């Protein structure tokens, strides 16, 4: 597959993935973390806020392959 096509597909995947992941994380938090302490919520959102980097990095690495 040509690099330009991979870049377009990868950009489209990122545009869909990042908001979908954010909505998923917020949904999990609203159902599971209601009534928990601020510390637990902060830890959850810190971890959830960093996890999206792994699949996004894999998509970006795929886009940049020669």
N, C-alpha and C. Protein backbone atom coordinates (compact mmCIF):
# COMPACT_ATOMS: atom_id res chain seq x y z
N UNK A 1 0.84 -1.17 0.00
CA UNK A 1 0.00 0.00 0.00
C UNK A 1 0.89 1.24 0.00
N UNK A 2 0.62 2.19 -0.85
CA UNK A 2 1.45 3.40 -0.90
C UNK A 2 1.37 4.20 0.42
N UNK A 3 2.44 4.89 0.71
CA UNK A 3 2.54 5.63 1.96
C UNK A 3 1.46 6.70 2.08
N UNK A 4 1.14 7.39 0.99
CA UNK A 4 0.10 8.43 1.03
C UNK A 4 -1.26 7.86 1.42
N UNK A 5 -1.57 6.69 0.91
CA UNK A 5 -2.85 6.05 1.23
C UNK A 5 -2.87 5.66 2.70
N UNK A 6 -1.74 5.10 3.20
CA UNK A 6 -1.66 4.75 4.62
C UNK A 6 -1.81 5.97 5.50
N UNK A 7 -1.24 7.11 5.09
CA UNK A 7 -1.36 8.33 5.88
C UNK A 7 -2.79 8.82 5.94
N UNK A 8 -3.49 8.75 4.82
CA UNK A 8 -4.89 9.18 4.81
C UNK A 8 -5.75 8.25 5.67
N UNK A 9 -5.55 6.93 5.50
CA UNK A 9 -6.30 5.97 6.31
C UNK A 9 -5.97 6.09 7.79
N UNK A 10 -4.69 6.28 8.10
CA UNK A 10 -4.27 6.43 9.49
C UNK A 10 -4.85 7.68 10.12
N UNK A 11 -4.87 8.78 9.38
CA UNK A 11 -5.46 10.01 9.90
C UNK A 11 -6.94 9.82 10.16
N UNK A 12 -7.63 9.15 9.26
CA UNK A 12 -9.06 8.88 9.45
C UNK A 12 -9.28 7.99 10.67
N UNK A 13 -8.42 6.97 10.84
CA UNK A 13 -8.55 6.10 12.00
C UNK A 13 -8.33 6.88 13.30
N UNK A 14 -7.36 7.78 13.31
CA UNK A 14 -7.12 8.57 14.51
C UNK A 14 -8.27 9.52 14.81
N UNK A 15 -8.84 10.10 13.76
CA UNK A 15 -9.97 11.03 13.95
C UNK A 15 -11.17 10.29 14.55
N UNK A 16 -11.33 9.03 14.21
CA UNK A 16 -12.44 8.24 14.76
C UNK A 16 -12.06 7.67 16.13
N UNK A 17 -10.85 7.17 16.26
CA UNK A 17 -10.43 6.47 17.48
C UNK A 17 -10.36 7.37 18.70
N UNK A 18 -9.74 8.52 18.58
CA UNK A 18 -9.50 9.37 19.76
C UNK A 18 -10.82 9.83 20.41
N UNK A 19 -11.77 10.40 19.67
CA UNK A 19 -13.03 10.76 20.33
C UNK A 19 -13.81 9.54 20.85
N UNK A 20 -13.76 8.42 20.11
CA UNK A 20 -14.47 7.22 20.57
C UNK A 20 -13.86 6.72 21.87
N UNK A 21 -12.54 6.74 21.97
CA UNK A 21 -11.88 6.32 23.20
C UNK A 21 -12.23 7.25 24.35
N UNK A 22 -12.24 8.55 24.08
CA UNK A 22 -12.58 9.51 25.14
C UNK A 22 -14.01 9.28 25.64
N UNK A 23 -14.94 9.05 24.74
CA UNK A 23 -16.32 8.77 25.15
C UNK A 23 -16.41 7.47 25.94
N UNK A 24 -15.66 6.47 25.50
CA UNK A 24 -15.64 5.19 26.22
C UNK A 24 -15.09 5.37 27.63
N UNK A 25 -13.99 6.10 27.77
CA UNK A 25 -13.38 6.31 29.09
C UNK A 25 -14.34 7.10 30.00
N UNK A 26 -15.01 8.10 29.45
CA UNK A 26 -15.96 8.87 30.25
C UNK A 26 -17.15 8.01 30.66
N UNK A 27 -17.59 7.14 29.77
CA UNK A 27 -18.71 6.25 30.09
C UNK A 27 -18.34 5.28 31.20
N UNK A 28 -17.17 4.69 31.09
CA UNK A 28 -16.71 3.78 32.14
C UNK A 28 -16.60 4.52 33.46
N UNK A 29 -16.04 5.72 33.43
CA UNK A 29 -15.87 6.50 34.66
C UNK A 29 -17.22 6.87 35.27
N UNK A 30 -18.18 7.26 34.46
CA UNK A 30 -19.46 7.67 35.03
C UNK A 30 -20.22 6.50 35.64
N UNK A 31 -20.03 5.29 35.10
CA UNK A 31 -20.74 4.13 35.65
C UNK A 31 -19.99 3.47 36.80
N UNK A 32 -18.68 3.44 36.72
CA UNK A 32 -17.90 2.71 37.72
C UNK A 32 -17.38 3.59 38.86
N UNK A 33 -17.16 4.86 38.60
CA UNK A 33 -16.50 5.70 39.59
C UNK A 33 -17.44 6.65 40.33
N UNK A 34 -18.72 6.54 40.07
CA UNK A 34 -19.67 7.41 40.77
C UNK A 34 -19.61 7.10 42.27
N UNK A 35 -19.39 8.12 43.05
CA UNK A 35 -19.33 7.95 44.49
C UNK A 35 -17.98 7.58 45.04
N UNK A 36 -16.97 7.47 44.20
CA UNK A 36 -15.62 7.17 44.70
C UNK A 36 -14.91 8.46 45.04
N UNK A 37 -13.78 8.34 45.68
CA UNK A 37 -13.03 9.51 46.11
C UNK A 37 -12.38 10.23 44.92
N UNK A 38 -12.03 11.46 45.16
CA UNK A 38 -11.35 12.26 44.14
C UNK A 38 -10.02 11.62 43.76
N UNK A 39 -9.34 11.02 44.71
CA UNK A 39 -8.05 10.37 44.43
C UNK A 39 -8.22 9.22 43.44
N UNK A 40 -9.22 8.39 43.65
CA UNK A 40 -9.47 7.26 42.73
C UNK A 40 -9.82 7.77 41.35
N UNK A 41 -10.66 8.81 41.28
CA UNK A 41 -11.04 9.38 39.99
C UNK A 41 -9.84 9.99 39.28
N UNK A 42 -8.99 10.67 40.03
CA UNK A 42 -7.79 11.28 39.44
C UNK A 42 -6.86 10.21 38.88
N UNK A 43 -6.67 9.15 39.63
CA UNK A 43 -5.80 8.06 39.16
C UNK A 43 -6.38 7.42 37.90
N UNK A 44 -7.70 7.17 37.91
CA UNK A 44 -8.32 6.58 36.73
C UNK A 44 -8.14 7.46 35.51
N UNK A 45 -8.43 8.75 35.64
CA UNK A 45 -8.34 9.63 34.49
C UNK A 45 -6.88 9.86 34.05
N UNK A 46 -5.95 9.80 34.98
CA UNK A 46 -4.54 9.90 34.59
C UNK A 46 -4.12 8.69 33.77
N UNK A 47 -4.53 7.51 34.20
CA UNK A 47 -4.19 6.30 33.46
C UNK A 47 -4.93 6.24 32.13
N UNK A 48 -6.23 6.53 32.17
CA UNK A 48 -7.03 6.50 30.93
C UNK A 48 -6.56 7.57 29.96
N UNK A 49 -6.06 8.67 30.48
CA UNK A 49 -5.57 9.73 29.62
C UNK A 49 -4.25 9.41 28.95
N UNK A 50 -3.55 8.42 29.45
CA UNK A 50 -2.28 8.03 28.85
C UNK A 50 -2.38 6.76 27.99
N UNK A 51 -3.38 5.93 28.25
CA UNK A 51 -3.49 4.65 27.53
C UNK A 51 -3.74 4.84 26.04
N UNK A 52 -4.46 5.89 25.66
CA UNK A 52 -4.78 6.09 24.24
C UNK A 52 -3.54 6.28 23.39
N UNK A 53 -2.43 6.64 24.02
CA UNK A 53 -1.19 6.89 23.28
C UNK A 53 -0.66 5.60 22.64
N UNK A 54 -0.87 4.46 23.27
CA UNK A 54 -0.34 3.20 22.74
C UNK A 54 -0.96 2.84 21.39
N UNK A 55 -2.29 2.76 21.26
CA UNK A 55 -2.82 2.45 19.93
C UNK A 55 -2.60 3.58 18.93
N UNK A 56 -2.65 4.82 19.38
CA UNK A 56 -2.40 5.94 18.46
C UNK A 56 -0.96 5.89 17.96
N UNK A 57 -0.02 5.55 18.82
CA UNK A 57 1.37 5.41 18.40
C UNK A 57 1.55 4.28 17.41
N UNK A 58 0.82 3.19 17.61
CA UNK A 58 0.90 2.07 16.66
C UNK A 58 0.35 2.49 15.29
N UNK A 59 -0.72 3.25 15.29
CA UNK A 59 -1.29 3.73 14.03
C UNK A 59 -0.30 4.67 13.34
N UNK A 60 0.31 5.55 14.10
CA UNK A 60 1.27 6.50 13.52
C UNK A 60 2.49 5.76 12.99
N UNK A 61 2.96 4.76 13.72
CA UNK A 61 4.11 3.98 13.23
C UNK A 61 3.75 3.25 11.95
N UNK A 62 2.53 2.73 11.86
CA UNK A 62 2.08 2.08 10.64
C UNK A 62 2.02 3.06 9.48
N UNK A 63 1.57 4.29 9.77
CA UNK A 63 1.46 5.30 8.72
C UNK A 63 2.83 5.68 8.17
N UNK A 64 3.86 5.66 8.99
CA UNK A 64 5.18 6.14 8.60
C UNK A 64 6.08 5.07 7.99
N UNK A 65 5.62 3.84 7.92
CA UNK A 65 6.45 2.77 7.33
C UNK A 65 6.77 3.11 5.87
N UNK A 66 7.98 2.78 5.46
CA UNK A 66 8.31 3.02 4.05
C UNK A 66 7.63 2.01 3.12
